[in-house]
Amino acid sequence: MYIDVVPNRNSPPAVLLREAFREGQKTRKRTLANLSDWPAEKVETLRRLLRDEHLVSAEDLFATQKTLPHGHVQAALEMIGRLKLDHLISAPRCRERDLVVAMIAQRLIDPCSKLATTRQWHTTTLAEELGVAWANEDDLYAAMDWLSERQERIERKLAARHLEEGGLVWYDVSSSFYEGRTCPLAKFGHDRDGKNGLPIIVYGVMTNGEGCPVAVSVYAGNTGDPTTVADQIEKLREKFGLQRVVLVGDRGRLTQPQINKLKEHPGWGWITALTSTAIRQLVEQGTLQLSLLDQKNLAEISAPDYPGERLMVCHNPVLEEQRRRKRQALLKRRLSRRQRCDELRPINHRSRSELFCVHVRPRVEHTESDIL
């Protein structure tokens, strides 16, 4: 079927609804209806229907006003829900908990300042998902104060979930430099970021054997790393109620005074590394024989200076190669510097650089500096 417009000489054209068909070799048509009295818009609509055209396009029905990214927001919130992190912060839902969860999610998506956070989460669906579109930076700082008051309660929940009697507890210390001058904890100290001339803040993190964070402590920037261990021992015993724990830390944290404090508590153990000076003493005493590592890279020894302690000796070939390259580079720099000095000074003039003596030891399989 189709619409056929038949012109008339002295009258308006006739609008007919016709159907075409074949009779033998001829094509014939017949009129089904006279649509001459129909409005033009109605006729055009019927014509488009007969042609299988869409009367209304999707663009005419729907208009896109604004789209916001949502996938990464959903992934972050889904993981927070699976870990039940929101319930660790606060069992009942409240305004402060929503703000804290929103800050955590934004920190995972795009770390930024508090002011930038209130702007960035409007570029995604995060603000609408948690209902925090109304918040400004002052609200975020207030929520952090609220969270700080709940720190001990949250840490006890984490300890009950991730720590166990006789398990491993890892502890390490780091620092961050601070631009301002009003923070009471910002002091000048050993900056691990290499940012000289700025005060720092020291913080220690305690995790379980799998590296899951359990507790965090913040100290002034001039606090020595070993002095923070005593607080962690007290926290594990008094706040978390653990009586048998193996504390793991590097040689810069678990020094001998801290180990002596651990010995005061029966059932407590520790895992740490000896200093290079202590290893050298073991070699000089003959307690540690480097030939033990010719066949295997791991050995257990005992020493009178460490009664009741197990000393595990391990050969690290990666560290050995690294230190060999450093020694060669240092030797080249010194020889090059001596050659330049020889070219510049008179022959009969003696300078301090002439007193430098390079001693190359015979090659050995392992040295005490290559042992951890």
Protein backbone atom coordinates (compact mmCIF):
# COMPACT_ATOMS: atom_id res chain seq x y z
CA MET A 1 0.00 0.00 0.00
CA TYR A 2 1.07 3.53 -0.65
CA ILE A 3 -0.20 7.10 -0.79
CA ASP A 4 -0.89 8.38 -4.26
CA VAL A 5 -1.53 12.04 -5.00
CA VAL A 6 -3.56 12.60 -8.19
CA PRO A 7 -3.51 16.22 -9.45
CA ASN A 8 -6.74 17.88 -10.64
CA ARG A 9 -6.82 20.78 -13.11
CA ASN A 10 -9.36 23.03 -11.39
CA SER A 11 -9.54 21.49 -7.86
CA PRO A 12 -7.19 20.34 -5.13
CA PRO A 13 -5.30 17.09 -5.79
CA ALA A 14 -6.88 13.82 -4.70
CA VAL A 15 -5.03 11.91 -1.98
CA LEU A 16 -5.70 8.21 -2.34
CA LEU A 17 -4.68 5.12 -0.43
CA ARG A 18 -3.91 2.54 -3.07
CA GLU A 19 -2.64 -1.01 -3.36
CA ALA A 20 -0.58 -2.35 -6.24
CA PHE A 21 -0.78 -5.93 -7.51
CA ARG A 22 0.12 -7.95 -10.63
CA GLU A 23 -2.12 -9.71 -13.12
CA GLY A 24 0.02 -11.81 -15.39
CA GLN A 25 2.60 -9.49 -16.93
CA LYS A 26 0.75 -6.31 -16.01
CA THR A 27 0.85 -4.22 -12.85
CA ARG A 28 -2.48 -2.95 -11.71
CA LYS A 29 -3.62 -0.82 -8.76
CA ARG A 30 -6.81 -0.23 -6.92
CA THR A 31 -7.96 2.50 -4.58
CA LEU A 32 -8.66 1.49 -1.00
CA ALA A 33 -9.60 4.86 0.51
CA ASN A 34 -9.88 8.53 -0.37
CA LEU A 35 -7.82 10.61 2.04
CA SER A 36 -8.32 13.98 0.40
CA ASP A 37 -10.04 15.46 3.46
CA TRP A 38 -7.24 14.41 5.82
CA PRO A 39 -4.86 17.05 7.19
CA ALA A 40 -1.46 17.08 5.56
CA GLU A 41 0.28 16.08 8.84
CA LYS A 42 -1.95 13.03 9.20
CA VAL A 43 -1.33 11.97 5.62
CA GLU A 44 2.44 12.34 6.08
CA THR A 45 2.31 10.21 9.26
CA LEU A 46 0.46 7.45 7.42
CA ARG A 47 2.96 7.66 4.58
CA ARG A 48 5.89 7.16 7.02
CA LEU A 49 4.10 4.21 8.63
CA LEU A 50 3.62 2.55 5.27
CA ARG A 51 7.37 3.02 4.63
CA ASP A 52 8.30 1.45 8.03
CA GLU A 53 9.90 4.67 9.18
CA HIS A 54 10.18 5.66 12.87
CA LEU A 55 7.67 8.31 13.75
CA VAL A 56 9.75 9.61 16.70
CA SER A 57 13.56 9.26 16.98
CA ALA A 58 15.38 8.45 20.22
CA GLU A 59 16.94 11.92 20.15
CA ASP A 60 13.46 13.46 20.18
CA LEU A 61 12.29 11.31 23.11
CA PHE A 62 15.40 11.48 25.35
CA ALA A 63 17.88 14.27 25.86
CA THR A 64 21.20 13.64 27.62
CA GLN A 65 21.74 16.36 30.16
CA LYS A 66 24.92 15.09 31.97
CA THR A 67 26.85 11.83 32.43
CA LEU A 68 29.10 11.03 35.39
CA PRO A 69 31.68 8.21 35.64
CA HIS A 70 30.47 5.47 37.97
CA GLY A 71 32.37 2.22 37.40
CA HIS A 72 35.43 2.98 39.52
CA VAL A 73 33.22 4.43 42.25
CA GLN A 74 31.15 1.26 42.35
CA ALA A 75 34.32 -0.88 42.50
CA ALA A 76 35.71 1.08 45.47
CA LEU A 77 32.45 1.08 47.39
CA GLU A 78 31.89 -2.60 46.65
CA MET A 79 35.28 -3.52 48.08
CA ILE A 80 34.71 -1.32 51.15
CA GLY A 81 31.45 -3.16 51.70
CA ARG A 82 33.03 -6.61 51.33
CA LEU A 83 35.74 -5.72 53.82
CA LYS A 84 33.06 -4.30 56.14
CA LEU A 85 35.24 -1.26 56.58
CA ASP A 86 32.23 0.97 57.07
CA HIS A 87 31.05 -1.19 59.98
CA LEU A 88 34.53 -1.04 61.52
CA ILE A 89 34.33 2.74 61.47
CA SER A 90 30.85 2.82 62.99
CA ALA A 91 28.20 0.12 63.26
CA PRO A 92 25.22 2.46 62.78
CA ARG A 93 25.25 4.64 59.71
CA CYS A 94 25.69 8.32 60.43
CA ARG A 95 26.72 11.52 58.73
CA GLU A 96 30.34 11.28 59.88
CA ARG A 97 30.70 7.69 58.70
CA ASP A 98 29.46 8.60 55.22
CA LEU A 99 31.98 11.42 55.05
CA VAL A 100 34.84 9.16 56.15
CA VAL A 101 33.90 6.43 53.67
CA ALA A 102 33.63 9.04 50.93
CA MET A 103 37.11 10.35 51.77
CA ILE A 104 38.53 6.81 51.71
CA ALA A 105 36.93 6.08 48.34
CA GLN A 106 38.14 9.38 46.89
CA ARG A 107 41.62 8.64 48.24
CA LEU A 108 41.60 5.38 46.31
CA ILE A 109 40.26 6.97 43.13
CA ASP A 110 42.23 10.23 43.06
CA PRO A 111 44.24 11.32 46.12
CA CYS A 112 43.99 15.05 46.72
CA SER A 113 43.52 17.66 49.44
CA LYS A 114 40.32 18.05 51.44
CA LEU A 115 39.24 21.08 49.43
CA ALA A 116 39.91 19.28 46.16
CA THR A 117 38.10 16.21 47.49
CA THR A 118 34.84 18.14 47.90
CA ARG A 119 35.18 19.21 44.27
CA GLN A 120 36.39 15.96 42.74
CA TRP A 121 33.65 13.72 44.07
CA HIS A 122 31.11 15.88 42.21
CA THR A 123 32.78 14.84 38.95
CA THR A 124 31.70 11.23 39.67
CA THR A 125 28.70 9.59 41.29
CA LEU A 126 30.49 9.28 44.65
CA ALA A 127 28.82 12.29 46.29
CA GLU A 128 25.34 11.12 45.26
CA GLU A 129 25.96 7.48 46.20
CA LEU A 130 26.88 8.39 49.78
CA GLY A 131 24.71 11.48 50.08
CA VAL A 132 27.55 13.89 50.86
CA ALA A 133 27.05 16.43 48.08
CA TRP A 134 26.37 19.10 50.70
CA ALA A 135 29.76 18.76 52.47
CA ASN A 136 32.61 21.26 52.34
CA GLU A 137 36.20 21.03 53.55
CA ASP A 138 35.28 22.08 57.11
CA ASP A 139 32.88 19.14 57.32
CA LEU A 140 35.67 16.79 56.25
CA TYR A 141 38.04 18.08 58.94
CA ALA A 142 35.28 17.72 61.53
CA ALA A 143 34.71 14.13 60.40
CA MET A 144 38.43 13.42 60.78
CA ASP A 145 38.31 14.74 64.35
CA TRP A 146 35.36 12.42 64.98
CA LEU A 147 37.34 9.52 63.49
CA SER A 148 40.41 10.31 65.62
CA GLU A 149 38.33 9.89 68.77
CA ARG A 150 37.31 6.40 67.60
CA GLN A 151 40.85 5.25 66.70
CA GLU A 152 41.38 2.95 69.69
CA ARG A 153 37.99 1.30 69.20
CA ILE A 154 38.69 0.73 65.50
CA GLU A 155 42.17 -0.67 66.20
CA ARG A 156 40.77 -3.15 68.73
CA LYS A 157 38.29 -4.37 66.14
CA LEU A 158 41.06 -4.77 63.57
CA ALA A 159 43.29 -6.58 66.06
CA ALA A 160 40.50 -8.99 66.98
CA ARG A 161 39.94 -9.71 63.29
CA HIS A 162 43.55 -9.99 62.03
CA LEU A 163 45.84 -10.77 65.00
CA GLU A 164 46.10 -14.02 66.91
CA GLU A 165 48.15 -15.53 69.71
CA GLY A 166 51.54 -16.74 68.54
CA GLY A 167 51.23 -14.94 65.21
CA LEU A 168 53.52 -12.51 63.44
CA VAL A 169 53.26 -8.76 63.91
CA TRP A 170 55.19 -6.54 61.50
CA TYR A 171 56.19 -3.03 62.46
CA ASP A 172 57.91 -0.29 60.48
CA VAL A 173 58.36 3.47 60.68
CA SER A 174 58.26 6.13 57.99
CA SER A 175 57.93 9.91 57.80
CA SER A 176 56.42 12.70 55.71
CA PHE A 177 57.63 16.26 55.38
CA TYR A 178 55.36 19.10 56.45
CA GLU A 179 55.05 22.52 54.84
CA GLY A 180 53.44 24.43 57.70
CA ARG A 181 54.84 25.67 60.99
CA THR A 182 51.89 25.37 63.38
CA CYS A 183 51.62 21.58 63.75
CA PRO A 184 52.99 20.56 67.21
CA LEU A 185 54.24 17.22 65.82
CA ALA A 186 56.18 18.72 62.92
CA LYS A 187 59.83 18.72 64.01
CA PHE A 188 63.16 18.54 62.23
CA GLY A 189 64.49 15.00 62.06
CA HIS A 190 65.63 12.23 59.72
CA ASP A 191 63.56 12.81 56.59
CA ARG A 192 63.20 9.69 54.46
CA ASP A 193 61.84 11.70 51.53
CA GLY A 194 65.11 13.55 51.06
CA LYS A 195 63.41 16.91 51.58
CA ASN A 196 65.93 19.00 53.47
CA GLY A 197 64.99 22.12 55.41
CA LEU A 198 61.42 21.08 56.24
CA PRO A 199 60.00 19.58 59.45
CA ILE A 200 58.65 16.05 59.36
CA ILE A 201 56.10 13.86 61.10
CA VAL A 202 57.00 10.28 62.03
CA TYR A 203 54.42 7.50 61.97
CA GLY A 204 54.64 3.80 62.70
CA VAL A 205 52.39 1.16 61.16
CA MET A 206 51.63 -2.25 62.66
CA THR A 207 50.38 -5.07 60.43
CA ASN A 208 49.71 -8.77 60.71
CA GLY A 209 51.80 -11.41 58.98
CA GLU A 210 50.01 -10.86 55.68
CA GLY A 211 50.60 -7.11 55.70
CA CYS A 212 47.07 -6.05 56.65
CA PRO A 213 47.29 -2.77 58.65
CA VAL A 214 46.03 -3.02 62.21
CA ALA A 215 47.23 0.11 64.02
CA VAL A 216 49.04 3.35 63.31
CA SER A 217 50.86 5.70 65.69
CA VAL A 218 52.01 9.26 65.00
CA TYR A 219 55.06 10.80 66.64
CA ALA A 220 56.95 14.07 66.55
CA GLY A 221 59.48 14.42 63.78
CA ASN A 222 62.49 14.33 66.13
CA THR A 223 61.47 10.95 67.63
CA GLY A 224 64.00 8.17 67.20
CA ASP A 225 62.73 5.05 65.45
CA PRO A 226 63.75 2.54 68.17
CA THR A 227 61.98 4.51 70.90
CA THR A 228 58.62 3.87 69.22
CA VAL A 229 58.88 0.10 69.73
CA ALA A 230 58.02 0.32 73.43
CA ASP A 231 54.64 1.86 72.59
CA GLN A 232 53.86 -0.99 70.22
CA ILE A 233 54.73 -3.59 72.85
CA GLU A 234 52.41 -1.89 75.33
CA LYS A 235 49.65 -1.63 72.74
CA LEU A 236 49.88 -5.32 71.89
CA ARG A 237 49.84 -6.39 75.55
CA GLU A 238 47.51 -3.90 77.20
CA LYS A 239 45.06 -2.85 74.47
CA PHE A 240 44.95 -5.96 72.31
CA GLY A 241 45.43 -8.48 75.11
CA LEU A 242 48.05 -10.64 73.32
CA GLN A 243 50.47 -12.70 75.43
CA ARG A 244 52.40 -14.59 72.72
CA VAL A 245 53.57 -12.53 69.75
CA VAL A 246 56.51 -12.60 67.33
CA LEU A 247 57.47 -9.01 66.51
CA VAL A 248 59.18 -8.52 63.13
CA GLY A 249 61.18 -5.39 62.34
CA ASP A 250 64.37 -4.27 60.64
CA ARG A 251 67.66 -3.68 62.38
CA GLY A 252 67.00 0.03 62.70
CA ARG A 253 63.91 -0.55 64.88
CA LEU A 254 64.62 -3.68 66.93
CA THR A 255 67.93 -2.65 68.45
CA GLN A 256 69.46 -4.47 71.39
CA PRO A 257 67.77 -2.25 74.05
CA GLN A 258 64.40 -2.97 72.47
CA ILE A 259 65.17 -6.70 72.33
CA ASN A 260 66.02 -6.60 76.03
CA LYS A 261 62.55 -5.15 76.70
CA LEU A 262 60.99 -7.97 74.72
CA LYS A 263 62.91 -10.52 76.79
CA GLU A 264 61.12 -9.21 79.88
CA HIS A 265 57.85 -10.71 78.59
CA PRO A 266 57.77 -14.52 78.51
CA GLY A 267 56.32 -15.94 75.33
CA TRP A 268 57.37 -12.98 73.21
CA GLY A 269 59.71 -13.42 70.28
CA TRP A 270 61.27 -11.29 67.61
CA ILE A 271 62.74 -11.52 64.12
CA THR A 272 65.26 -8.93 63.00
CA ALA A 273 68.63 -8.60 61.26
CA LEU A 274 72.05 -8.07 62.81
CA THR A 275 74.04 -4.99 61.97
CA SER A 276 77.08 -5.22 59.71
CA THR A 277 79.31 -4.60 62.74
CA ALA A 278 77.78 -7.54 64.61
CA ILE A 279 78.15 -9.79 61.55
CA ARG A 280 81.78 -8.78 61.18
CA GLN A 281 82.41 -9.67 64.84
CA LEU A 282 80.92 -13.11 64.31
CA VAL A 283 83.26 -13.65 61.37
CA GLU A 284 86.31 -12.47 63.32
CA GLN A 285 85.42 -14.74 66.26
CA GLY A 286 85.15 -17.71 63.93
CA THR A 287 81.53 -18.33 64.87
CA LEU A 288 80.41 -17.53 61.35
CA GLN A 289 82.45 -19.36 58.73
CA LEU A 290 81.86 -18.11 55.22
CA SER A 291 82.64 -21.55 53.81
CA LEU A 292 79.28 -22.70 55.19
CA LEU A 293 77.64 -20.82 52.33
CA ASP A 294 79.67 -22.40 49.52
CA GLN A 295 77.20 -25.23 49.04
CA LYS A 296 73.95 -23.76 50.40
CA ASN A 297 72.81 -20.19 50.85
CA LEU A 298 71.17 -20.76 54.25
CA ALA A 299 72.65 -21.91 57.55
CA GLU A 300 71.79 -21.80 61.25
CA ILE A 301 74.48 -20.99 63.80
CA SER A 302 74.74 -20.22 67.53
CA ALA A 303 76.98 -17.73 69.25
CA PRO A 304 77.92 -17.12 72.93
CA ASP A 305 76.99 -13.46 72.57
CA TYR A 306 73.40 -14.44 71.69
CA PRO A 307 72.38 -17.13 74.20
CA GLY A 308 69.11 -18.85 73.48
CA GLU A 309 68.74 -17.13 70.12
CA ARG A 310 68.65 -18.69 66.65
CA LEU A 311 70.92 -17.00 64.13
CA MET A 312 70.01 -17.67 60.51
CA VAL A 313 72.71 -16.82 57.98
CA CYS A 314 71.65 -16.25 54.38
CA HIS A 315 73.72 -15.43 51.32
CA ASN A 316 72.08 -12.86 49.08
CA PRO A 317 73.58 -13.05 45.56
CA VAL A 318 71.61 -10.02 44.42
CA LEU A 319 73.04 -7.89 47.22
CA GLU A 320 76.50 -9.29 46.54
CA GLU A 321 76.33 -8.24 42.89
CA GLN A 322 74.95 -4.84 43.81
CA ARG A 323 77.75 -4.13 46.25
CA ARG A 324 80.34 -5.42 43.79
CA ARG A 325 79.12 -2.88 41.23
CA LYS A 326 79.22 -0.12 43.84
CA ARG A 327 82.78 -1.01 44.82
CA GLN A 328 83.89 -0.99 41.19
CA ALA A 329 82.21 2.35 40.55
CA LEU A 330 83.81 3.83 43.66
CA LEU A 331 87.22 2.52 42.62
CA LYS A 332 86.86 4.04 39.15
CA ARG A 333 85.87 7.41 40.56
CA ARG A 334 88.84 7.45 42.93
CA LEU A 335 91.31 6.39 40.25
CA SER A 336 89.91 8.98 37.87
CA ARG A 337 90.18 11.68 40.52
CA ARG A 338 93.76 10.69 41.27
CA GLN A 339 94.65 10.79 37.57
CA ARG A 340 93.21 14.28 37.22
CA CYS A 341 95.16 15.43 40.25
CA ASP A 342 98.39 13.98 38.77
CA GLU A 343 97.83 15.93 35.57
CA LEU A 344 97.25 19.20 37.39
CA ARG A 345 99.95 19.21 40.10
CA PRO A 346 103.73 19.54 39.55
CA ILE A 347 105.74 16.35 39.57
CA ASN A 348 107.75 17.27 42.65
CA HIS A 349 104.67 18.38 44.62
CA ARG A 350 103.03 16.03 47.05
CA SER A 351 99.34 16.43 47.77
CA ARG A 352 96.95 14.60 50.05
CA SER A 353 95.61 12.58 47.16
CA GLU A 354 98.95 10.77 46.85
CA LEU A 355 98.46 9.22 50.27
CA PHE A 356 95.39 7.27 49.07
CA CYS A 357 96.13 3.58 48.78
CA VAL A 358 93.89 1.18 46.89
CA HIS A 359 93.91 -2.30 48.34
CA VAL A 360 92.26 -5.01 46.23
CA ARG A 361 91.57 -8.12 48.19
CA PRO A 362 91.70 -11.56 46.53
CA ARG A 363 88.37 -12.72 45.20
CA VAL A 364 86.39 -14.79 47.67
CA GLU A 365 83.10 -16.51 47.28
CA HIS A 366 81.34 -14.46 49.94
CA THR A 367 82.17 -11.62 52.33
CA GLU A 368 80.53 -10.68 55.58
CA SER A 369 79.01 -7.58 53.88
CA ASP A 370 77.07 -9.87 51.54
CA ILE A 371 75.34 -11.70 54.38
CA LEU A 372 72.01 -10.67 55.86
